[in-house]
Amino acid sequence: MDVIKSSSKKKNVAYKRAIAMVFFVILALCWLLITTDDRVEVLRKESLFSNVQQGEFIVSVDGYGEFKSNDQKLITSRSQATVEEVLLKPGASVQPDSVILKLSNPEIEENVLIASQELTKEYATLKQIELSQKREIMTEKVKYAELEASYEISNLNFQAQSDLSTKGIVSKLNFAESDIKTQQMSKVLAIYRDQIEQLKLIHTESINMQKEIIKQAESNLRIAKDKLDRLTIKAGMSGVLQQSFVTLGQTVSSGAQLALISGTENLVGIIKVPQTQADMIKLGQKAKINTRKEIIEGNVARIDPVVTEGTVSVEIKMEGELPSNIRPELSIDGTIEIESIPDTFFIKRPANIQPNSVAKLYLVAEGLNQASAKEVTFGVESGQYIQILSNVNIGETYIISDTSALASAESIVIKQ
């Protein structure tokens, strides 16, 4: 009997222990459900935080780009040719007479030789014409002199017969014949004199015609030489060789691009800004250009109406003299000042937050490793900052990294 009682007591103790264990498990589960609520965990080292600031908020638009020259010259080929020599490479400083390339074209070189020979031939023709005309004039002058001598003799005879005729020594018929002959010779002499003058005019016209032929030959030679000279490619202006579009041995056609020259004096900043912010930019707004070495102030001078790959190009005109190290194509960052809000709250722009929107941020509890969701109204953005329009306090800390994976959690735990 004693053995039976002892076994019954042991069963009762085991049953009570099992009941107690179930009770404690249920309590633990209830506590876990109550304490965990809907909170999730994030790692501090994987999160970004920003404090609310208050004060003047300068609304600006940031962009990137490069310096461009307003003075540019595109050099093209005037004829088909082969690149024979490359003397300067992009980035080299140039003067108007700096030789960049040398081209060759055998046909152009031959044309210069032909034109030169043709001009020499026409000059020889002119010389021959002048000599021929001199001989012709001399011949005519000799004939004129002979006629003039005959006239003088005839006139002397006439004068002599005139005195004799009055005395009756010479018959009136002979005297009349002498008179007619003298008058006729006088007329012939006058006609011959006019003929010589007309011949001189004809000679002059002939010379002028040949000189016109020479002028044309000279023009042909100039054109041929000009084409030959243009095979030596010069900068034509002071500045920098910006680009060279050809290589040694390359054959280029007429009109082909050879090189681009940019001046170094009249430079402007061309920056690309997001299309979504371009409508805030106005002509005359102040801007700052950052060259990584210095800050240069300027003003908005032009806004490109064309949108390219989601950006709009804005031209910034620099104020004052530019530093000597500024060159075309130098990479720059630009900031355009849109407006200044005197007293407002702002914070570093959280991930995925757009201007003039309402979104949920997680406010970090001071001194605690937890954060709770809070609805925040945002205003305009400026660079990496964005304005806060809703009720916040200066110094409050918010999580600004991407929290889209946290779903709708109202509170989170920040783990070290």
Protein backbone atom coordinates (compact mmCIF):
# COMPACT_ATOMS: atom_id res chain seq x y z
CA MET A 1 0.00 0.00 0.00
CA ASP A 2 2.81 2.44 0.82
CA VAL A 3 4.27 1.95 -2.64
CA ILE A 4 0.94 2.75 -4.32
CA LYS A 5 0.56 6.07 -2.42
CA SER A 6 4.09 7.20 -3.35
CA SER A 7 3.45 6.67 -7.08
CA SER A 8 0.22 8.70 -6.99
CA LYS A 9 1.94 11.64 -5.35
CA LYS A 10 4.66 11.71 -8.04
CA LYS A 11 2.05 11.89 -10.80
CA ASN A 12 0.36 14.88 -9.17
CA VAL A 13 3.65 16.79 -8.91
CA ALA A 14 4.50 16.19 -12.60
CA TYR A 15 1.04 17.33 -13.67
CA LYS A 16 1.36 20.57 -11.71
CA ARG A 17 4.77 21.24 -13.21
CA ALA A 18 3.44 20.84 -16.76
CA ILE A 19 0.57 23.22 -16.04
CA ALA A 20 3.03 25.80 -14.70
CA MET A 21 5.28 25.54 -17.77
CA VAL A 22 2.34 26.06 -20.15
CA PHE A 23 1.25 29.08 -18.13
CA PHE A 24 4.71 30.65 -18.29
CA VAL A 25 4.95 30.03 -22.08
CA ILE A 26 1.60 31.76 -22.58
CA LEU A 27 2.76 34.71 -20.45
CA ALA A 28 6.01 34.96 -22.44
CA LEU A 29 4.13 34.97 -25.73
CA CYS A 30 1.78 37.67 -24.52
CA TRP A 31 4.67 39.80 -23.31
CA LEU A 32 6.47 39.35 -26.60
CA LEU A 33 3.39 40.40 -28.57
CA ILE A 34 2.88 43.45 -26.38
CA THR A 35 6.50 44.62 -26.34
CA THR A 36 7.34 44.05 -30.02
CA ASP A 37 4.17 45.82 -31.34
CA ASP A 38 4.84 46.84 -35.01
CA ARG A 39 8.40 48.13 -34.59
CA VAL A 40 11.20 47.09 -36.94
CA GLU A 41 14.94 47.41 -36.65
CA VAL A 42 17.51 49.40 -38.67
CA LEU A 43 21.28 49.60 -38.32
CA ARG A 44 22.71 53.00 -37.42
CA LYS A 45 25.77 52.50 -39.62
CA GLU A 46 23.54 51.86 -42.63
CA SER A 47 21.34 54.91 -42.04
CA LEU A 48 21.73 58.61 -42.77
CA PHE A 49 20.59 61.30 -40.34
CA SER A 50 20.10 65.06 -40.56
CA ASN A 51 19.18 67.76 -38.06
CA VAL A 52 16.54 70.42 -38.67
CA GLN A 53 18.10 73.85 -39.21
CA GLN A 54 16.50 77.28 -39.12
CA GLY A 55 17.55 80.52 -40.78
CA GLU A 56 18.04 82.08 -44.21
CA PHE A 57 17.36 79.52 -46.91
CA ILE A 58 18.85 80.39 -50.28
CA VAL A 59 16.95 78.60 -53.01
CA SER A 60 19.36 77.66 -55.77
CA VAL A 61 19.67 75.34 -58.72
CA ASP A 62 22.85 73.33 -59.12
CA GLY A 63 24.31 72.16 -62.37
CA TYR A 64 27.47 70.98 -64.03
CA GLY A 65 29.17 71.80 -67.29
CA GLU A 66 32.20 73.49 -68.78
CA PHE A 67 33.61 76.77 -70.02
CA LYS A 68 32.89 77.59 -73.64
CA SER A 69 34.32 80.34 -75.81
CA ASN A 70 32.07 82.82 -77.58
CA ASP A 71 34.88 83.26 -80.10
CA GLN A 72 35.28 80.05 -82.05
CA LYS A 73 36.54 79.28 -85.52
CA LEU A 74 35.86 76.05 -87.38
CA ILE A 75 38.51 75.36 -90.00
CA THR A 76 37.44 73.29 -93.00
CA SER A 77 39.22 71.98 -96.06
CA ARG A 78 38.78 74.02 -99.25
CA SER A 79 39.66 71.09 -101.50
CA GLN A 80 40.28 67.38 -101.48
CA ALA A 81 43.69 66.65 -100.00
CA THR A 82 45.78 64.30 -97.89
CA VAL A 83 47.01 65.11 -94.38
CA GLU A 84 50.78 65.23 -94.86
CA GLU A 85 51.89 66.61 -91.49
CA VAL A 86 50.29 67.23 -88.07
CA LEU A 87 52.15 70.04 -86.32
CA LEU A 88 49.91 70.88 -83.34
CA LYS A 89 47.67 68.80 -81.11
CA PRO A 90 44.53 69.77 -79.14
CA GLY A 91 45.27 71.96 -76.14
CA ALA A 92 48.11 73.86 -77.80
CA SER A 93 48.10 77.65 -77.63
CA VAL A 94 47.94 79.24 -81.07
CA GLN A 95 48.42 82.60 -82.76
CA PRO A 96 46.84 83.67 -86.07
CA ASP A 97 49.85 82.45 -88.10
CA SER A 98 50.37 79.19 -86.16
CA VAL A 99 50.50 76.23 -88.57
CA ILE A 100 48.32 73.34 -87.39
CA LEU A 101 48.33 70.95 -90.36
CA LYS A 102 49.92 70.57 -93.77
CA LEU A 103 47.91 69.00 -96.57
CA SER A 104 49.00 67.92 -100.04
CA ASN A 105 47.29 67.74 -103.42
CA PRO A 106 49.45 67.08 -106.53
CA GLU A 107 46.77 68.46 -108.86
CA ILE A 108 46.77 71.83 -107.06
CA GLU A 109 50.56 71.98 -107.18
CA GLU A 110 50.47 71.24 -110.92
CA ASN A 111 47.83 73.93 -111.47
CA VAL A 112 50.13 76.51 -109.88
CA LEU A 113 52.91 75.53 -112.29
CA ILE A 114 50.56 75.68 -115.30
CA ALA A 115 49.15 79.06 -114.25
CA SER A 116 52.66 80.43 -113.73
CA GLN A 117 53.75 79.27 -117.18
CA GLU A 118 50.62 80.75 -118.77
CA LEU A 119 51.31 84.12 -117.14
CA THR A 120 54.90 84.07 -118.39
CA LYS A 121 53.63 83.28 -121.88
CA GLU A 122 51.18 86.20 -121.84
CA TYR A 123 53.88 88.60 -120.68
CA ALA A 124 56.05 87.42 -123.59
CA THR A 125 53.13 87.99 -125.96
CA LEU A 126 52.75 91.53 -124.62
CA LYS A 127 56.43 92.20 -125.22
CA GLN A 128 56.16 90.84 -128.73
CA ILE A 129 53.12 93.04 -129.47
CA GLU A 130 54.90 96.12 -128.16
CA LEU A 131 57.96 95.45 -130.35
CA SER A 132 55.81 94.78 -133.41
CA GLN A 133 53.89 97.99 -132.84
CA LYS A 134 57.08 99.99 -132.50
CA ARG A 135 58.33 98.63 -135.83
CA GLU A 136 54.99 99.42 -137.47
CA ILE A 137 54.97 102.98 -136.12
CA MET A 138 58.54 103.51 -137.24
CA THR A 139 57.67 102.32 -140.75
CA GLU A 140 54.67 104.62 -140.90
CA LYS A 141 56.72 107.54 -139.61
CA VAL A 142 59.29 106.94 -142.33
CA LYS A 143 56.55 106.96 -144.96
CA TYR A 144 55.10 110.09 -143.41
CA ALA A 145 58.49 111.75 -143.47
CA GLU A 146 58.86 110.89 -147.17
CA LEU A 147 55.42 112.32 -147.92
CA GLU A 148 56.20 115.40 -145.88
CA ALA A 149 59.42 115.91 -147.84
CA SER A 150 57.57 115.52 -151.14
CA TYR A 151 55.02 118.04 -149.96
CA GLU A 152 57.71 120.52 -148.97
CA ILE A 153 59.35 120.19 -152.40
CA SER A 154 56.02 120.56 -154.14
CA ASN A 155 55.18 123.58 -152.02
CA LEU A 156 58.54 125.19 -152.81
CA ASN A 157 57.92 124.61 -156.52
CA PHE A 158 54.50 126.14 -156.17
CA GLN A 159 55.89 129.21 -154.41
CA ALA A 160 58.56 129.60 -157.04
CA GLN A 161 56.13 129.20 -159.92
CA SER A 162 53.82 131.70 -158.30
CA ASP A 163 56.39 134.49 -158.75
CA LEU A 164 57.32 133.31 -162.23
CA SER A 165 53.68 133.01 -163.25
CA THR A 166 53.06 136.68 -162.50
CA LYS A 167 55.98 137.56 -164.79
CA GLY A 168 54.69 135.26 -167.51
CA ILE A 169 57.72 132.99 -167.39
CA VAL A 170 55.62 129.95 -166.36
CA SER A 171 52.41 129.15 -168.10
CA LYS A 172 49.21 129.34 -166.20
CA LEU A 173 48.57 125.63 -166.87
CA ASN A 174 51.83 124.53 -165.28
CA PHE A 175 51.20 126.85 -162.37
CA ALA A 176 47.72 125.42 -161.89
CA GLU A 177 49.04 121.85 -162.00
CA SER A 178 51.65 122.73 -159.38
CA ASP A 179 48.97 124.29 -157.21
CA ILE A 180 46.70 121.24 -157.45
CA LYS A 181 49.57 118.85 -156.76
CA THR A 182 50.62 120.80 -153.68
CA GLN A 183 47.09 120.90 -152.31
CA GLN A 184 46.65 117.19 -152.98
CA MET A 185 49.85 116.31 -151.21
CA SER A 186 48.82 118.47 -148.28
CA LYS A 187 45.56 116.51 -148.01
CA VAL A 188 47.39 113.18 -148.32
CA LEU A 189 49.81 114.26 -145.62
CA ALA A 190 46.93 115.21 -143.29
CA ILE A 191 45.19 111.88 -143.97
CA TYR A 192 48.39 109.98 -143.33
CA ARG A 193 48.94 111.90 -140.11
CA ASP A 194 45.42 110.91 -138.97
CA GLN A 195 46.13 107.36 -140.02
CA ILE A 196 49.19 107.25 -137.79
CA GLU A 197 47.15 108.58 -134.85
CA GLN A 198 44.47 105.96 -135.49
CA LEU A 199 47.16 103.30 -135.65
CA LYS A 200 48.45 104.44 -132.25
CA LEU A 201 44.93 104.13 -130.83
CA ILE A 202 44.61 100.64 -132.31
CA HIS A 203 47.98 99.73 -130.82
CA THR A 204 46.91 101.06 -127.42
CA GLU A 205 43.72 99.03 -127.55
CA SER A 206 45.67 95.94 -128.54
CA ILE A 207 48.05 96.48 -125.62
CA ASN A 208 45.11 96.96 -123.24
CA MET A 209 43.51 93.76 -124.48
CA GLN A 210 46.72 91.85 -123.86
CA LYS A 211 47.04 93.43 -120.42
CA GLU A 212 43.53 92.21 -119.62
CA ILE A 213 44.59 88.74 -120.68
CA ILE A 214 47.59 89.11 -118.36
CA LYS A 215 45.32 90.23 -115.51
CA GLN A 216 43.22 87.12 -116.01
CA ALA A 217 46.34 84.98 -116.04
CA GLU A 218 47.55 86.69 -112.85
CA SER A 219 44.16 86.06 -111.27
CA ASN A 220 44.33 82.40 -112.25
CA LEU A 221 47.79 82.17 -110.73
CA ARG A 222 46.62 83.90 -107.53
CA ILE A 223 43.71 81.49 -107.22
CA ALA A 224 45.99 78.52 -107.81
CA LYS A 225 48.52 79.82 -105.26
CA ASP A 226 45.74 80.57 -102.78
CA LYS A 227 44.54 76.97 -103.07
CA LEU A 228 48.11 75.82 -102.55
CA ASP A 229 48.57 78.14 -99.55
CA ARG A 230 45.33 76.85 -98.05
CA LEU A 231 46.88 73.41 -97.89
CA THR A 232 48.95 74.89 -95.05
CA ILE A 233 46.32 75.09 -92.32
CA LYS A 234 46.80 78.05 -89.95
CA ALA A 235 44.86 78.95 -86.81
CA GLY A 236 43.75 82.35 -88.06
CA MET A 237 43.13 83.65 -84.51
CA SER A 238 44.68 83.66 -81.05
CA GLY A 239 43.46 81.04 -78.61
CA VAL A 240 43.62 77.30 -78.08
CA LEU A 241 43.42 74.42 -80.54
CA GLN A 242 40.24 72.89 -79.15
CA GLN A 243 39.82 69.91 -81.46
CA SER A 244 41.54 68.27 -84.39
CA PHE A 245 39.29 66.13 -86.55
CA VAL A 246 41.88 64.44 -88.78
CA THR A 247 44.85 62.10 -88.51
CA LEU A 248 48.12 61.75 -90.39
CA GLY A 249 47.66 60.24 -93.85
CA GLN A 250 43.90 60.77 -93.90
CA THR A 251 42.27 61.90 -97.14
CA VAL A 252 39.76 64.71 -96.63
CA SER A 253 37.14 66.02 -99.02
CA SER A 254 36.25 69.63 -99.74
CA GLY A 255 34.33 71.07 -96.80
CA ALA A 256 35.57 68.47 -94.31
CA GLN A 257 36.14 69.69 -90.75
CA LEU A 258 39.81 69.95 -89.86
CA ALA A 259 40.13 71.79 -86.54
CA LEU A 260 38.29 73.95 -84.02
CA ILE A 261 39.95 77.02 -82.50
CA SER A 262 38.57 78.66 -79.35
CA GLY A 263 39.50 82.07 -78.03
CA THR A 264 40.60 82.37 -74.41
CA GLU A 265 39.28 85.87 -73.70
CA ASN A 266 35.50 85.81 -74.13
CA LEU A 267 34.57 82.71 -72.10
CA VAL A 268 31.17 81.80 -70.66
CA GLY A 269 30.07 78.98 -68.40
CA ILE A 270 27.60 76.50 -69.89
CA ILE A 271 25.95 74.43 -67.16
CA LYS A 272 23.29 71.76 -67.43
CA VAL A 273 20.46 71.88 -64.90
CA PRO A 274 17.57 69.43 -64.34
CA GLN A 275 14.59 70.05 -66.59
CA THR A 276 12.29 70.05 -63.55
CA GLN A 277 14.10 73.07 -62.08
CA ALA A 278 14.71 75.03 -65.27
CA ASP A 279 11.42 76.94 -65.03
CA MET A 280 12.73 78.71 -61.89
CA ILE A 281 15.69 80.21 -63.73
CA LYS A 282 15.40 83.75 -65.11
CA LEU A 283 17.77 85.98 -67.06
CA GLY A 284 19.97 88.14 -64.86
CA GLN A 285 19.91 85.85 -61.80
CA LYS A 286 23.18 85.64 -59.89
CA ALA A 287 25.30 82.55 -60.29
CA LYS A 288 28.53 81.12 -58.95
CA ILE A 289 30.92 78.94 -60.93
CA ASN A 290 33.17 76.51 -59.07
CA THR A 291 36.31 75.47 -60.95
CA ARG A 292 37.53 73.28 -58.04
CA LYS A 293 40.19 75.93 -57.44
CA GLU A 294 38.18 79.15 -57.18
CA ILE A 295 34.68 80.55 -57.15
CA ILE A 296 33.77 82.97 -59.95
CA GLU A 297 30.63 85.08 -59.87
CA GLY A 298 28.41 85.69 -62.86
CA ASN A 299 24.86 86.15 -64.15
CA VAL A 300 22.44 84.11 -66.21
CA ALA A 301 22.81 85.39 -69.80
CA ARG A 302 20.88 82.79 -71.82
CA ILE A 303 18.59 79.81 -71.28
CA ASP A 304 18.54 77.18 -74.01
CA PRO A 305 14.92 76.44 -75.01
CA VAL A 306 15.79 72.86 -75.98
CA VAL A 307 15.67 70.00 -73.46
CA THR A 308 18.43 67.42 -73.96
CA GLU A 309 18.43 64.16 -72.01
CA GLY A 310 16.36 65.69 -69.22
CA THR A 311 18.58 68.76 -68.81
CA VAL A 312 18.54 72.38 -69.95
CA SER A 313 21.73 74.30 -70.78
CA VAL A 314 22.15 77.70 -69.12
CA GLU A 315 24.79 80.23 -70.17
CA ILE A 316 26.53 82.12 -67.37
CA LYS A 317 28.36 85.35 -68.20
CA MET A 318 31.32 85.95 -65.92
CA GLU A 319 31.84 89.18 -63.99
CA GLY A 320 35.24 90.84 -64.12
CA GLU A 321 38.47 89.43 -65.47
CA LEU A 322 38.87 85.66 -65.47
CA PRO A 323 41.89 83.97 -63.85
CA SER A 324 44.69 83.10 -66.25
CA ASN A 325 44.26 79.34 -65.72
CA ILE A 326 40.71 79.32 -67.12
CA ARG A 327 40.52 77.58 -70.48
CA PRO A 328 37.75 76.41 -72.81
CA GLU A 329 36.29 72.96 -71.98
CA LEU A 330 37.36 73.26 -68.32
CA SER A 331 34.87 71.28 -66.20
CA ILE A 332 32.86 73.35 -63.73
CA ASP A 333 30.02 73.18 -61.23
CA GLY A 334 27.47 75.97 -61.18
CA THR A 335 24.97 77.30 -58.66
CA ILE A 336 22.21 79.71 -59.72
CA GLU A 337 20.58 81.72 -56.92
CA ILE A 338 16.80 81.74 -57.38
CA GLU A 339 15.54 83.46 -54.22
CA SER A 340 16.31 83.94 -50.53
CA ILE A 341 13.79 82.89 -47.85
CA PRO A 342 14.75 84.87 -44.71
CA ASP A 343 13.60 82.57 -41.87
CA THR A 344 12.50 79.00 -42.37
CA PHE A 345 13.21 75.40 -41.39
CA PHE A 346 15.20 73.14 -43.68
CA ILE A 347 16.97 69.81 -43.69
CA LYS A 348 19.15 67.76 -45.97
CA ARG A 349 16.84 66.36 -48.63
CA PRO A 350 15.75 62.82 -47.67
CA ALA A 351 15.87 60.05 -50.24
CA ASN A 352 12.93 59.89 -52.68
CA ILE A 353 11.45 63.19 -51.43
CA GLN A 354 10.18 65.67 -54.02
CA PRO A 355 9.71 69.44 -53.51
CA ASN A 356 6.25 70.66 -52.48
CA SER A 357 5.16 67.24 -51.25
CA VAL A 358 4.01 65.55 -48.05
CA ALA A 359 5.84 62.45 -46.84
CA LYS A 360 6.54 60.38 -43.75
CA LEU A 361 9.90 60.73 -41.98
CA TYR A 362 11.19 58.99 -38.89
CA LEU A 363 11.93 61.36 -36.00
CA VAL A 364 14.71 60.05 -33.77
CA ALA A 365 13.83 60.26 -30.07
CA GLU A 366 16.41 62.27 -28.17
CA GLY A 367 18.73 60.05 -26.16
CA LEU A 368 16.99 56.85 -27.32
CA ASN A 369 17.72 54.31 -30.00
CA GLN A 370 14.29 54.47 -31.52
CA ALA A 371 12.37 56.65 -33.99
CA SER A 372 8.72 57.26 -34.70
CA ALA A 373 6.95 58.12 -37.95
CA LYS A 374 5.92 61.73 -38.49
CA GLU A 375 4.18 63.39 -41.44
CA VAL A 376 6.25 66.29 -42.84
CA THR A 377 5.28 68.92 -45.42
CA PHE A 378 8.09 70.01 -47.72
CA GLY A 379 8.56 73.22 -49.72
CA VAL A 380 11.21 74.18 -52.25
CA GLU A 381 14.57 72.47 -52.56
CA SER A 382 17.99 74.01 -52.91
CA GLY A 383 20.93 71.83 -53.80
CA GLN A 384 21.10 69.04 -51.22
CA TYR A 385 18.67 70.80 -48.85
CA ILE A 386 14.88 71.10 -48.82
CA GLN A 387 12.54 73.45 -46.97
CA ILE A 388 10.16 72.16 -44.26
CA LEU A 389 6.78 73.88 -44.02
CA SER A 390 5.18 71.78 -41.28
CA ASN A 391 5.65 72.19 -37.52
CA VAL A 392 9.13 70.99 -36.55
CA ASN A 393 11.70 72.06 -34.01
CA ILE A 394 15.23 73.19 -34.65
CA GLY A 395 17.74 70.46 -33.87
CA GLU A 396 15.32 67.54 -34.38
CA THR A 397 17.01 64.55 -35.97
CA TYR A 398 15.37 62.65 -38.81
CA ILE A 399 16.38 59.59 -40.77
CA ILE A 400 16.97 60.76 -44.35
CA SER A 401 18.14 57.52 -45.94
CA ASP A 402 15.74 55.38 -47.97
CA THR A 403 13.09 53.97 -45.61
CA SER A 404 10.71 52.63 -48.25
CA ALA A 405 11.52 49.06 -47.16
CA LEU A 406 10.14 49.77 -43.67
CA ALA A 407 6.59 49.63 -45.07
CA SER A 408 4.10 51.26 -42.73
CA ALA A 409 5.95 50.83 -39.45
CA GLU A 410 5.03 53.58 -37.01
CA SER A 411 8.17 53.14 -34.95
CA ILE A 412 11.57 51.58 -35.47
CA VAL A 413 14.49 50.50 -33.32
CA ILE A 414 17.94 51.82 -34.23
CA LYS A 415 20.59 49.23 -33.52
CA GLN A 416 24.27 49.98 -33.21
